[in-house]
PDB file of N, CA and C in Angstrom:
ATOM      1  N   VAL A   1      36.709 -21.112 -43.835  1.00  0.00           N
ATOM      2  CA  VAL A   1      37.152 -22.174 -42.949  1.00  0.00           C
ATOM      3  C   VAL A   1      35.918 -22.855 -42.359  1.00  0.00           C
ATOM      4  N   ALA A   2      35.870 -24.156 -42.492  1.00  0.00           N
ATOM      5  CA  ALA A   2      34.741 -24.919 -41.955  1.00  0.00           C
ATOM      6  C   ALA A   2      34.916 -25.111 -40.458  1.00  0.00           C
ATOM      7  N   MET A   3      33.826 -24.980 -39.743  1.00  0.00           N
ATOM      8  CA  MET A   3      33.869 -25.215 -38.297  1.00  0.00           C
ATOM      9  C   MET A   3      33.715 -26.712 -38.056  1.00  0.00           C
ATOM     10  N   VAL A   4      34.706 -27.295 -37.404  1.00  0.00           N
ATOM     11  CA  VAL A   4      34.696 -28.732 -37.143  1.00  0.00           C
ATOM     12  C   VAL A   4      34.658 -28.971 -35.642  1.00  0.00           C
ATOM     13  N   ALA A   5      34.374 -30.209 -35.254  1.00  0.00           N
ATOM     14  CA  ALA A   5      34.228 -30.548 -33.833  1.00  0.00           C
ATOM     15  C   ALA A   5      35.535 -30.429 -33.062  1.00  0.00           C
ATOM     16  N   ALA A   6      36.665 -30.525 -33.761  1.00  0.00           N
ATOM     17  CA  ALA A   6      37.961 -30.445 -33.083  1.00  0.00           C
ATOM     18  C   ALA A   6      38.420 -29.010 -32.864  1.00  0.00           C
ATOM     19  N   GLU A   7      37.649 -28.037 -33.346  1.00  0.00           N
ATOM     20  CA  GLU A   7      38.012 -26.625 -33.208  1.00  0.00           C
ATOM     21  C   GLU A   7      38.115 -26.240 -31.732  1.00  0.00           C
ATOM     22  N   GLY A   8      39.260 -25.740 -31.326  1.00  0.00           N
ATOM     23  CA  GLY A   8      39.452 -25.294 -29.951  1.00  0.00           C
ATOM     24  C   GLY A   8      39.806 -26.383 -28.957  1.00  0.00           C
ATOM     25  N   SER A   9      39.995 -27.603 -29.422  1.00  0.00           N
ATOM     26  CA  SER A   9      40.249 -28.688 -28.470  1.00  0.00           C
ATOM     27  C   SER A   9      41.612 -28.558 -27.794  1.00  0.00           C
ATOM     28  N   TRP A  10      42.602 -27.995 -28.488  1.00  0.00           N
ATOM     29  CA  TRP A  10      43.919 -27.868 -27.869  1.00  0.00           C
ATOM     30  C   TRP A  10      43.933 -26.773 -26.819  1.00  0.00           C
ATOM     31  N   ALA A  11      43.111 -25.764 -26.994  1.00  0.00           N
ATOM     32  CA  ALA A  11      43.000 -24.737 -25.950  1.00  0.00           C
ATOM     33  C   ALA A  11      42.392 -25.339 -24.686  1.00  0.00           C
ATOM     34  N   VAL A  12      41.385 -26.177 -24.861  1.00  0.00           N
ATOM     35  CA  VAL A  12      40.773 -26.850 -23.711  1.00  0.00           C
ATOM     36  C   VAL A  12      41.784 -27.792 -23.060  1.00  0.00           C
ATOM     37  N   ALA A  13      42.557 -28.502 -23.880  1.00  0.00           N
ATOM     38  CA  ALA A  13      43.565 -29.414 -23.341  1.00  0.00           C
ATOM     39  C   ALA A  13      44.613 -28.653 -22.532  1.00  0.00           C
ATOM     40  N   TYR A  14      45.026 -27.492 -23.020  1.00  0.00           N
ATOM     41  CA  TYR A  14      46.012 -26.682 -22.304  1.00  0.00           C
ATOM     42  C   TYR A  14      45.459 -26.198 -20.965  1.00  0.00           C
ATOM     43  N   VAL A  15      44.228 -25.722 -20.968  1.00  0.00           N
ATOM     44  CA  VAL A  15      43.604 -25.246 -19.729  1.00  0.00           C
ATOM     45  C   VAL A  15      43.485 -26.389 -18.720  1.00  0.00           C
ATOM     46  N   LEU A  16      43.112 -27.574 -19.188  1.00  0.00           N
ATOM     47  CA  LEU A  16      43.001 -28.725 -18.287  1.00  0.00           C
ATOM     48  C   LEU A  16      44.345 -29.078 -17.669  1.00  0.00           C
ATOM     49  N   PHE A  17      45.384 -29.119 -18.495  1.00  0.00           N
ATOM     50  CA  PHE A  17      46.695 -29.492 -17.981  1.00  0.00           C
ATOM     51  C   PHE A  17      47.191 -28.469 -16.966  1.00  0.00           C
ATOM     52  N   ILE A  18      47.012 -27.194 -17.257  1.00  0.00           N
ATOM     53  CA  ILE A  18      47.427 -26.148 -16.321  1.00  0.00           C
ATOM     54  C   ILE A  18      46.634 -26.253 -15.021  1.00  0.00           C
ATOM     55  N   ALA A  19      45.344 -26.548 -15.126  1.00  0.00           N
ATOM     56  CA  ALA A  19      44.511 -26.655 -13.925  1.00  0.00           C
ATOM     57  C   ALA A  19      44.973 -27.796 -13.032  1.00  0.00           C
ATOM     58  N   PHE A  20      45.354 -28.909 -13.622  1.00  0.00           N
ATOM     59  CA  PHE A  20      45.767 -30.055 -12.817  1.00  0.00           C
ATOM     60  C   PHE A  20      47.189 -29.912 -12.286  1.00  0.00           C
ATOM     61  N   VAL A  21      48.080 -29.298 -13.050  1.00  0.00           N
ATOM     62  CA  VAL A  21      49.493 -29.311 -12.684  1.00  0.00           C
ATOM     63  C   VAL A  21      49.941 -28.026 -11.993  1.00  0.00           C
ATOM     64  N   SER A  22      49.644 -26.891 -12.568  1.00  0.00           N
ATOM     65  CA  SER A  22      50.252 -25.647 -12.098  1.00  0.00           C
ATOM     66  C   SER A  22      49.454 -24.916 -11.034  1.00  0.00           C
ATOM     67  N   LEU A  23      48.151 -25.009 -11.069  1.00  0.00           N
ATOM     68  CA  LEU A  23      47.340 -24.254 -10.127  1.00  0.00           C
ATOM     69  C   LEU A  23      47.269 -24.972  -8.787  1.00  0.00           C
ATOM     70  N   GLU A  24      47.300 -24.214  -7.737  1.00  0.00           N
ATOM     71  CA  GLU A  24      47.199 -24.775  -6.389  1.00  0.00           C
ATOM     72  C   GLU A  24      45.735 -24.839  -5.973  1.00  0.00           C
ATOM     73  N   ILE A  25      44.981 -25.658  -6.664  1.00  0.00           N
ATOM     74  CA  ILE A  25      43.567 -25.842  -6.341  1.00  0.00           C
ATOM     75  C   ILE A  25      43.348 -27.300  -5.982  1.00  0.00           C
ATOM     76  N   PRO A  26      42.345 -27.598  -5.188  1.00  0.00           N
ATOM     77  CA  PRO A  26      42.056 -28.998  -4.862  1.00  0.00           C
ATOM     78  C   PRO A  26      41.704 -29.791  -6.122  1.00  0.00           C
ATOM     79  N   LEU A  27      41.997 -31.068  -6.075  1.00  0.00           N
ATOM     80  CA  LEU A  27      41.758 -31.904  -7.251  1.00  0.00           C
ATOM     81  C   LEU A  27      40.286 -32.004  -7.609  1.00  0.00           C
ATOM     82  N   TRP A  28      39.398 -31.904  -6.635  1.00  0.00           N
ATOM     83  CA  TRP A  28      37.982 -32.023  -6.967  1.00  0.00           C
ATOM     84  C   TRP A  28      37.518 -30.818  -7.778  1.00  0.00           C
ATOM     85  N   ILE A  29      38.100 -29.645  -7.527  1.00  0.00           N
ATOM     86  CA  ILE A  29      37.746 -28.470  -8.331  1.00  0.00           C
ATOM     87  C   ILE A  29      38.269 -28.641  -9.754  1.00  0.00           C
ATOM     88  N   ALA A  30      39.479 -29.159  -9.887  1.00  0.00           N
ATOM     89  CA  ALA A  30      40.016 -29.419 -11.225  1.00  0.00           C
ATOM     90  C   ALA A  30      39.171 -30.472 -11.944  1.00  0.00           C
ATOM     91  N   GLY A  31      38.690 -31.474 -11.211  1.00  0.00           N
ATOM     92  CA  GLY A  31      37.822 -32.485 -11.815  1.00  0.00           C
ATOM     93  C   GLY A  31      36.495 -31.917 -12.274  1.00  0.00           C
ATOM     94  N   VAL A  32      35.920 -31.032 -11.464  1.00  0.00           N
ATOM     95  CA  VAL A  32      34.661 -30.381 -11.862  1.00  0.00           C
ATOM     96  C   VAL A  32      34.894 -29.505 -13.090  1.00  0.00           C
ATOM     97  N   MET A  33      36.027 -28.788 -13.095  1.00  0.00           N
ATOM     98  CA  MET A  33      36.351 -27.967 -14.256  1.00  0.00           C
ATOM     99  C   MET A  33      36.529 -28.836 -15.501  1.00  0.00           C
ATOM    100  N   PHE A  34      37.148 -30.007 -15.331  1.00  0.00           N
ATOM    101  CA  PHE A  34      37.311 -30.949 -16.439  1.00  0.00           C
ATOM    102  C   PHE A  34      35.953 -31.357 -16.996  1.00  0.00           C
ATOM    103  N   LEU A  35      35.034 -31.726 -16.120  1.00  0.00           N
ATOM    104  CA  LEU A  35      33.709 -32.153 -16.579  1.00  0.00           C
ATOM    105  C   LEU A  35      32.939 -31.018 -17.246  1.00  0.00           C
ATOM    106  N   LEU A  36      33.034 -29.814 -16.703  1.00  0.00           N
ATOM    107  CA  LEU A  36      32.340 -28.670 -17.299  1.00  0.00           C
ATOM    108  C   LEU A  36      32.903 -28.318 -18.674  1.00  0.00           C
ATOM    109  N   LEU A  37      34.234 -28.287 -18.789  1.00  0.00           N
ATOM    110  CA  LEU A  37      34.835 -27.990 -20.085  1.00  0.00           C
ATOM    111  C   LEU A  37      34.516 -29.066 -21.112  1.00  0.00           C
ATOM    112  N   LEU A  38      34.592 -30.315 -20.681  1.00  0.00           N
ATOM    113  CA  LEU A  38      34.310 -31.424 -21.585  1.00  0.00           C
ATOM    114  C   LEU A  38      32.873 -31.381 -22.081  1.00  0.00           C
ATOM    115  N   SER A  39      31.935 -31.251 -21.170  1.00  0.00           N
ATOM    116  CA  SER A  39      30.528 -31.236 -21.580  1.00  0.00           C
ATOM    117  C   SER A  39      30.195 -29.978 -22.377  1.00  0.00           C
ATOM    118  N   GLY A  40      30.747 -28.833 -21.989  1.00  0.00           N
ATOM    119  CA  GLY A  40      30.502 -27.604 -22.739  1.00  0.00           C
ATOM    120  C   GLY A  40      31.029 -27.674 -24.159  1.00  0.00           C
ATOM    121  N   HIS A  41      32.233 -28.217 -24.312  1.00  0.00           N
ATOM    122  CA  HIS A  41      32.794 -28.344 -25.656  1.00  0.00           C
ATOM    123  C   HIS A  41      31.995 -29.341 -26.488  1.00  0.00           C
ATOM    124  N   PHE A  42      31.582 -30.443 -25.888  1.00  0.00           N
ATOM    125  CA  PHE A  42      30.789 -31.429 -26.631  1.00  0.00           C
ATOM    126  C   PHE A  42      29.468 -30.833 -27.102  1.00  0.00           C
ATOM    127  N   VAL A  43      28.785 -30.120 -26.221  1.00  0.00           N
ATOM    128  CA  VAL A  43      27.495 -29.525 -26.593  1.00  0.00           C
ATOM    129  C   VAL A  43      27.679 -28.492 -27.699  1.00  0.00           C
ATOM    130  N   CYS A  44      28.672 -27.631 -27.549  1.00  0.00           N
ATOM    131  CA  CYS A  44      28.918 -26.623 -28.588  1.00  0.00           C
ATOM    132  C   CYS A  44      29.313 -27.273 -29.910  1.00  0.00           C
ATOM    133  N   ALA A  45      30.139 -28.304 -29.842  1.00  0.00           N
ATOM    134  CA  ALA A  45      30.561 -28.972 -31.069  1.00  0.00           C
ATOM    135  C   ALA A  45      29.395 -29.675 -31.749  1.00  0.00           C
ATOM    136  N   LEU A  46      28.487 -30.240 -30.981  1.00  0.00           N
ATOM    137  CA  LEU A  46      27.336 -30.922 -31.582  1.00  0.00           C
ATOM    138  C   LEU A  46      26.376 -29.953 -32.257  1.00  0.00           C
ATOM    139  N   PHE A  47      26.175 -28.798 -31.655  1.00  0.00           N
ATOM    140  CA  PHE A  47      25.163 -27.879 -32.170  1.00  0.00           C
ATOM    141  C   PHE A  47      25.686 -26.850 -33.165  1.00  0.00           C
ATOM    142  N   PHE A  48      26.960 -26.511 -33.115  1.00  0.00           N
ATOM    143  CA  PHE A  48      27.444 -25.390 -33.915  1.00  0.00           C
ATOM    144  C   PHE A  48      28.420 -25.753 -35.018  1.00  0.00           C
ATOM    145  N   THR A  49      28.750 -27.009 -35.208  1.00  0.00           N
ATOM    146  CA  THR A  49      29.667 -27.367 -36.291  1.00  0.00           C
ATOM    147  C   THR A  49      28.877 -27.730 -37.537  1.00  0.00           C
ATOM    148  N   GLN A  50      29.369 -27.242 -38.681  1.00  0.00           N
ATOM    149  CA  GLN A  50      28.712 -27.550 -39.942  1.00  0.00           C
ATOM    150  C   GLN A  50      29.578 -28.410 -40.854  1.00  0.00           C
ATOM    151  N   GLY A  51      30.876 -28.231 -40.818  1.00  0.00           N
ATOM    152  CA  GLY A  51      31.757 -28.940 -41.738  1.00  0.00           C
ATOM    153  C   GLY A  51      32.061 -30.353 -41.287  1.00  0.00           C
ATOM    154  N   PHE A  52      32.152 -31.232 -42.249  1.00  0.00           N
ATOM    155  CA  PHE A  52      32.553 -32.622 -42.032  1.00  0.00           C
ATOM    156  C   PHE A  52      31.683 -33.315 -40.989  1.00  0.00           C
ATOM    157  N   ARG A  53      30.378 -33.275 -41.193  1.00  0.00           N
ATOM    158  CA  ARG A  53      29.449 -33.872 -40.226  1.00  0.00           C
ATOM    159  C   ARG A  53      29.691 -35.373 -40.053  1.00  0.00           C
ATOM    160  N   TYR A  54      30.156 -36.046 -41.093  1.00  0.00           N
ATOM    161  CA  TYR A  54      30.375 -37.492 -41.000  1.00  0.00           C
ATOM    162  C   TYR A  54      31.558 -37.836 -40.096  1.00  0.00           C
ATOM    163  N   LEU A  55      32.414 -36.867 -39.805  1.00  0.00           N
ATOM    164  CA  LEU A  55      33.550 -37.101 -38.901  1.00  0.00           C
ATOM    165  C   LEU A  55      33.299 -36.593 -37.484  1.00  0.00           C
ATOM    166  N   GLN A  56      32.123 -36.050 -37.252  1.00  0.00           N
ATOM    167  CA  GLN A  56      31.859 -35.369 -35.986  1.00  0.00           C
ATOM    168  C   GLN A  56      32.030 -36.286 -34.776  1.00  0.00           C
ATOM    169  N   TRP A  57      31.441 -37.466 -34.805  1.00  0.00           N
ATOM    170  CA  TRP A  57      31.514 -38.346 -33.634  1.00  0.00           C
ATOM    171  C   TRP A  57      32.921 -38.877 -33.411  1.00  0.00           C
ATOM    172  N   SER A  58      33.637 -39.188 -34.480  1.00  0.00           N
ATOM    173  CA  SER A  58      35.008 -39.668 -34.291  1.00  0.00           C
ATOM    174  C   SER A  58      35.896 -38.560 -33.723  1.00  0.00           C
ATOM    175  N   GLU A  59      35.667 -37.304 -34.152  1.00  0.00           N
ATOM    176  CA  GLU A  59      36.427 -36.187 -33.592  1.00  0.00           C
ATOM    177  C   GLU A  59      36.095 -35.969 -32.121  1.00  0.00           C
ATOM    178  N   LEU A  60      34.831 -36.066 -31.771  1.00  0.00           N
ATOM    179  CA  LEU A  60      34.440 -35.877 -30.371  1.00  0.00           C
ATOM    180  C   LEU A  60      34.997 -36.981 -29.482  1.00  0.00           C
ATOM    181  N   ILE A  61      34.986 -38.204 -29.967  1.00  0.00           N
ATOM    182  CA  ILE A  61      35.548 -39.318 -29.191  1.00  0.00           C
ATOM    183  C   ILE A  61      37.055 -39.136 -29.030  1.00  0.00           C
ATOM    184  N   ALA A  62      37.732 -38.722 -30.101  1.00  0.00           N
ATOM    185  CA  ALA A  62      39.178 -38.485 -30.020  1.00  0.00           C
ATOM    186  C   ALA A  62      39.488 -37.350 -29.048  1.00  0.00           C
ATOM    187  N   ASN A  63      38.694 -36.276 -29.089  1.00  0.00           N
ATOM    188  CA  ASN A  63      38.890 -35.167 -28.146  1.00  0.00           C
ATOM    189  C   ASN A  63      38.680 -35.632 -26.713  1.00  0.00           C
ATOM    190  N   GLY A  64      37.617 -36.376 -26.474  1.00  0.00           N
ATOM    191  CA  GLY A  64      37.337 -36.873 -25.126  1.00  0.00           C
ATOM    192  C   GLY A  64      38.444 -37.769 -24.611  1.00  0.00           C
ATOM    193  N   LEU A  65      38.953 -38.641 -25.471  1.00  0.00           N
ATOM    194  CA  LEU A  65      40.047 -39.529 -25.076  1.00  0.00           C
ATOM    195  C   LEU A  65      41.316 -38.729 -24.772  1.00  0.00           C
ATOM    196  N   THR A  66      41.606 -37.744 -25.612  1.00  0.00           N
ATOM    197  CA  THR A  66      42.777 -36.892 -25.371  1.00  0.00           C
ATOM    198  C   THR A  66      42.659 -36.162 -24.045  1.00  0.00           C
ATOM    199  N   TRP A  67      41.504 -35.594 -23.779  1.00  0.00           N
ATOM    200  CA  TRP A  67      41.311 -34.845 -22.531  1.00  0.00           C
ATOM    201  C   TRP A  67      41.339 -35.761 -21.322  1.00  0.00           C
ATOM    202  N   PHE A  68      40.824 -36.977 -21.473  1.00  0.00           N
ATOM    203  CA  PHE A  68      40.876 -37.930 -20.364  1.00  0.00           C
ATOM    204  C   PHE A  68      42.326 -38.284 -20.038  1.00  0.00           C
ATOM    205  N   ILE A  69      43.135 -38.512 -21.060  1.00  0.00           N
ATOM    206  CA  ILE A  69      44.551 -38.834 -20.842  1.00  0.00           C
ATOM    207  C   ILE A  69      45.270 -37.651 -20.200  1.00  0.00           C
ATOM    208  N   ILE A  70      44.952 -36.439 -20.643  1.00  0.00           N
ATOM    209  CA  ILE A  70      45.557 -35.247 -20.041  1.00  0.00           C
ATOM    210  C   ILE A  70      45.141 -35.121 -18.580  1.00  0.00           C
ATOM    211  N   ALA A  71      43.881 -35.399 -18.276  1.00  0.00           N
ATOM    212  CA  ALA A  71      43.399 -35.307 -16.895  1.00  0.00           C
ATOM    213  C   ALA A  71      44.089 -36.338 -16.007  1.00  0.00           C
ATOM    214  N   VAL A  72      44.245 -37.562 -16.493  1.00  0.00           N
ATOM    215  CA  VAL A  72      44.918 -38.603 -15.703  1.00  0.00           C
ATOM    216  C   VAL A  72      46.385 -38.236 -15.484  1.00  0.00           C
ATOM    217  N   THR A  73      47.045 -37.750 -16.538  1.00  0.00           N
ATOM    218  CA  THR A  73      48.441 -37.334 -16.410  1.00  0.00           C
ATOM    219  C   THR A  73      48.579 -36.169 -15.440  1.00  0.00           C
ATOM    220  N   GLY A  74      47.709 -35.193 -15.551  1.00  0.00           N
ATOM    221  CA  GLY A  74      47.741 -34.049 -14.645  1.00  0.00           C
ATOM    222  C   GLY A  74      47.465 -34.451 -13.210  1.00  0.00           C
ATOM    223  N   PHE A  75      46.514 -35.372 -13.014  1.00  0.00           N
ATOM    224  CA  PHE A  75      46.215 -35.879 -11.677  1.00  0.00           C
ATOM    225  C   PHE A  75      47.442 -36.556 -11.079  1.00  0.00           C
ATOM    226  N   TRP A  76      48.116 -37.379 -11.870  1.00  0.00           N
ATOM    227  CA  TRP A  76      49.296 -38.104 -11.394  1.00  0.00           C
ATOM    228  C   TRP A  76      50.422 -37.124 -11.039  1.00  0.00           C
ATOM    229  N   ILE A  77      50.672 -36.141 -11.904  1.00  0.00           N
ATOM    230  CA  ILE A  77      51.721 -35.158 -11.632  1.00  0.00           C
ATOM    231  C   ILE A  77      51.378 -34.347 -10.388  1.00  0.00           C
ATOM    232  N   HIS A  78      50.115 -33.962 -10.250  1.00  0.00           N
ATOM    233  CA  HIS A  78      49.683 -33.187  -9.082  1.00  0.00           C
ATOM    234  C   HIS A  78      49.896 -33.981  -7.797  1.00  0.00           C
ATOM    235  N   ARG A  79      49.540 -35.249  -7.803  1.00  0.00           N
ATOM    236  CA  ARG A  79      49.711 -36.083  -6.604  1.00  0.00           C
ATOM    237  C   ARG A  79      51.186 -36.252  -6.260  1.00  0.00           C
ATOM    238  N   ARG A  80      52.039 -36.441  -7.277  1.00  0.00           N
ATOM    239  CA  ARG A  80      53.474 -36.585  -7.026  1.00  0.00           C
ATOM    240  C   ARG A  80      54.054 -35.297  -6.445  1.00  0.00           C
ATOM    241  N   ALA A  81      53.671 -34.162  -7.000  1.00  0.00           N
ATOM    242  CA  ALA A  81      54.173 -32.878  -6.502  1.00  0.00           C
ATOM    243  C   ALA A  81      53.660 -32.613  -5.092  1.00  0.00           C
ATOM    244  N   GLU A  82      52.412 -32.975  -4.831  1.00  0.00           N
ATOM    245  CA  GLU A  82      51.839 -32.792  -3.499  1.00  0.00           C
ATOM    246  C   GLU A  82      52.582 -33.640  -2.470  1.00  0.00           C
ATOM    247  N   GLY A  83      52.931 -34.867  -2.847  1.00  0.00           N
ATOM    248  CA  GLY A  83      53.699 -35.734  -1.951  1.00  0.00           C
ATOM    249  C   GLY A  83      55.084 -35.173  -1.670  1.00  0.00           C
ATOM    250  N   GLY A  84      55.732 -34.617  -2.695  1.00  0.00           N
ATOM    251  CA  GLY A  84      57.042 -34.002  -2.507  1.00  0.00           C
ATOM    252  C   GLY A  84      56.975 -32.783  -1.607  1.00  0.00           C
ATOM    253  N   THR A  85      55.935 -31.983  -1.782  1.00  0.00           N
ATOM    254  CA  THR A  85      55.748 -30.804  -0.939  1.00  0.00           C
ATOM    255  C   THR A  85      55.504 -31.203   0.505  1.00  0.00           C
ATOM    256  N   ARG A  86      54.703 -32.228   0.703  1.00  0.00           N
ATOM    257  CA  ARG A  86      54.415 -32.703   2.057  1.00  0.00           C
ATOM    258  C   ARG A  86      55.682 -33.234   2.725  1.00  0.00           C
ATOM    259  N   LYS A  87      56.502 -33.969   1.971  1.00  0.00           N
ATOM    260  CA  LYS A  87      57.739 -34.506   2.527  1.00  0.00           C
ATOM    261  C   LYS A  87      58.694 -33.373   2.902  1.00  0.00           C
ATOM    262  N   ALA A  88      58.806 -32.362   2.051  1.00  0.00           N
ATOM    263  CA  ALA A  88      59.674 -31.219   2.361  1.00  0.00           C
ATOM    264  C   ALA A  88      59.179 -30.493   3.610  1.00  0.00           C
ATOM    265  N   PHE A  89      57.866 -30.349   3.750  1.00  0.00           N
ATOM    266  CA  PHE A  89      57.307 -29.706   4.941  1.00  0.00           C
ATOM    267  C   PHE A  89      57.643 -30.499   6.195  1.00  0.00           C
ATOM    268  N   LEU A  90      57.476 -31.824   6.141  1.00  0.00           N
ATOM    269  CA  LEU A  90      57.776 -32.654   7.313  1.00  0.00           C
ATOM    270  C   LEU A  90      59.256 -32.618   7.657  1.00  0.00           C
ATOM    271  N   ASP A  91      60.132 -32.641   6.641  1.00  0.00           N
ATOM    272  CA  ASP A  91      61.569 -32.549   6.904  1.00  0.00           C
ATOM    273  C   ASP A  91      61.922 -31.220   7.565  1.00  0.00           C
ATOM    274  N   THR A  92      61.334 -30.140   7.071  1.00  0.00           N
ATOM    275  CA  THR A  92      61.584 -28.821   7.666  1.00  0.00           C
ATOM    276  C   THR A  92      61.083 -28.772   9.102  1.00  0.00           C
ATOM    277  N   ARG A  93      59.922 -29.332   9.329  1.00  0.00           N
ATOM    278  CA  ARG A  93      59.351 -29.345  10.681  1.00  0.00           C
ATOM    279  C   ARG A  93      60.236 -30.134  11.645  1.00  0.00           C
ATOM    280  N   GLN A  94      60.726 -31.290  11.211  1.00  0.00           N
ATOM    281  CA  GLN A  94      61.603 -32.088  12.062  1.00  0.00           C
ATOM    282  C   GLN A  94      62.907 -31.354  12.348  1.00  0.00           C
ATOM    283  N   SER A  95      63.421 -30.649  11.352  1.00  0.00           N
ATOM    284  CA  SER A  95      64.656 -29.884  11.550  1.00  0.00           C
ATOM    285  C   SER A  95      64.447 -28.764  12.568  1.00  0.00           C
ATOM    286  N   ILE A  96      63.322 -28.073  12.473  1.00  0.00           N
ATOM    287  CA  ILE A  96      63.023 -27.002  13.429  1.00  0.00           C
ATOM    288  C   ILE A  96      62.839 -27.569  14.827  1.00  0.00           C
ATOM    289  N   GLN A  97      62.158 -28.710  14.944  1.00  0.00           N
ATOM    290  CA  GLN A  97      61.971 -29.333  16.258  1.00  0.00           C
ATOM    291  C   GLN A  97      63.306 -29.751  16.863  1.00  0.00           C
ATOM    292  N   ALA A  98      64.198 -30.294  16.042  1.00  0.00           N
ATOM    293  CA  ALA A  98      65.512 -30.696  16.545  1.00  0.00           C
ATOM    294  C   ALA A  98      66.308 -29.476  16.998  1.00  0.00           C
ATOM    295  N   ARG A  99      66.216 -28.390  16.228  1.00  0.00           N
ATOM    296  CA  ARG A  99      66.925 -27.169  16.601  1.00  0.00           C
ATOM    297  C   ARG A  99      66.378 -26.586  17.904  1.00  0.00           C
ATOM    298  N   LEU A 100      65.060 -26.588  18.075  1.00  0.00           N
ATOM    299  CA  LEU A 100      64.456 -26.088  19.317  1.00  0.00           C
ATOM    300  C   LEU A 100      64.816 -26.974  20.504  1.00  0.00           C
ATOM    301  N   ALA A 101      64.842 -28.285  20.284  1.00  0.00           N
ATOM    302  CA  ALA A 101      65.222 -29.198  21.365  1.00  0.00           C
ATOM    303  C   ALA A 101      66.671 -28.959  21.778  1.00  0.00           C
ATOM    304  N   ALA A 102      67.548 -28.745  20.792  1.00  0.00           N
ATOM    305  CA  ALA A 102      68.951 -28.466  21.113  1.00  0.00           C
ATOM    306  C   ALA A 102      69.080 -27.134  21.843  1.00  0.00           C
ATOM    307  N   HIS A 103      68.302 -26.155  21.438  1.00  0.00           N
ATOM    308  CA  HIS A 103      68.325 -24.848  22.111  1.00  0.00           C
ATOM    309  C   HIS A 103      67.838 -24.976  23.559  1.00  0.00           C
ATOM    310  N   ASP A 104      66.765 -25.726  23.779  1.00  0.00           N
ATOM    311  CA  ASP A 104      66.260 -25.947  25.139  1.00  0.00           C
ATOM    312  C   ASP A 104      67.292 -26.675  25.993  1.00  0.00           C
ATOM    313  N   GLU A 105      67.957 -27.655  25.407  1.00  0.00           N
ATOM    314  CA  GLU A 105      68.981 -28.405  26.134  1.00  0.00           C
ATOM    315  C   GLU A 105      70.145 -27.490  26.507  1.00  0.00           C
ATOM    316  N   ASN A 106      70.542 -26.624  25.593  1.00  0.00           N
ATOM    317  CA  ASN A 106      71.623 -25.671  25.892  1.00  0.00           C
ATOM    318  C   ASN A 106      71.211 -24.702  26.994  1.00  0.00           C
ATOM    319  N   ASP A 107      69.948 -24.265  26.979  1.00  0.00           N
ATOM    320  CA  ASP A 107      69.462 -23.379  28.046  1.00  0.00           C
ATOM    321  C   ASP A 107      69.488 -24.077  29.400  1.00  0.00           C
ATOM    322  N   LYS A 108      69.102 -25.357  29.429  1.00  0.00           N
ATOM    323  CA  LYS A 108      69.116 -26.110  30.689  1.00  0.00           C
ATOM    324  C   LYS A 108      70.539 -26.284  31.202  1.00  0.00           C
ATOM    325  N   LEU A 109      71.464 -26.568  30.293  1.00  0.00           N
ATOM    326  CA  LEU A 109      72.856 -26.741  30.706  1.00  0.00           C
ATOM    327  C   LEU A 109      73.473 -25.419  31.142  1.00  0.00           C
ATOM    328  N   GLY A 110      73.028 -24.317  30.557  1.00  0.00           N
ATOM    329  CA  GLY A 110      73.560 -22.995  30.909  1.00  0.00           C
ATOM    330  C   GLY A 110      73.111 -22.535  32.281  1.00  0.00           C
ATOM    331  N   LYS A 111      71.981 -23.028  32.758  1.00  0.00           N
ATOM    332  CA  LYS A 111      71.481 -22.623  34.075  1.00  0.00           C
ATOM    333  C   LYS A 111      72.168 -23.454  35.093  1.00  0.00           C
TER     334      LYS A 111
END
């Protein structure tokens, strides 16, 4: 089996998507991880691939474009989920405040 520049690119894509969507880490850490994985894969692909050298740059560009699209999609999904979580937290907080206010009012009326 010839080692080509696209070897392992789907594993990197999966790790990127999981980092942006499923993990509860700040987006800047996911972005740094994206840059490290991207640059590490590019360097390894440039130095260690022997097969199909004439396709190497087109494969690397295609991998980079794929990973960029995955990163943008993951960023968008993460922001949407974060907004939903924040809204649920605020709704819960308002409900608790209303319940406490009603409890205080009942205590005042009971005295």
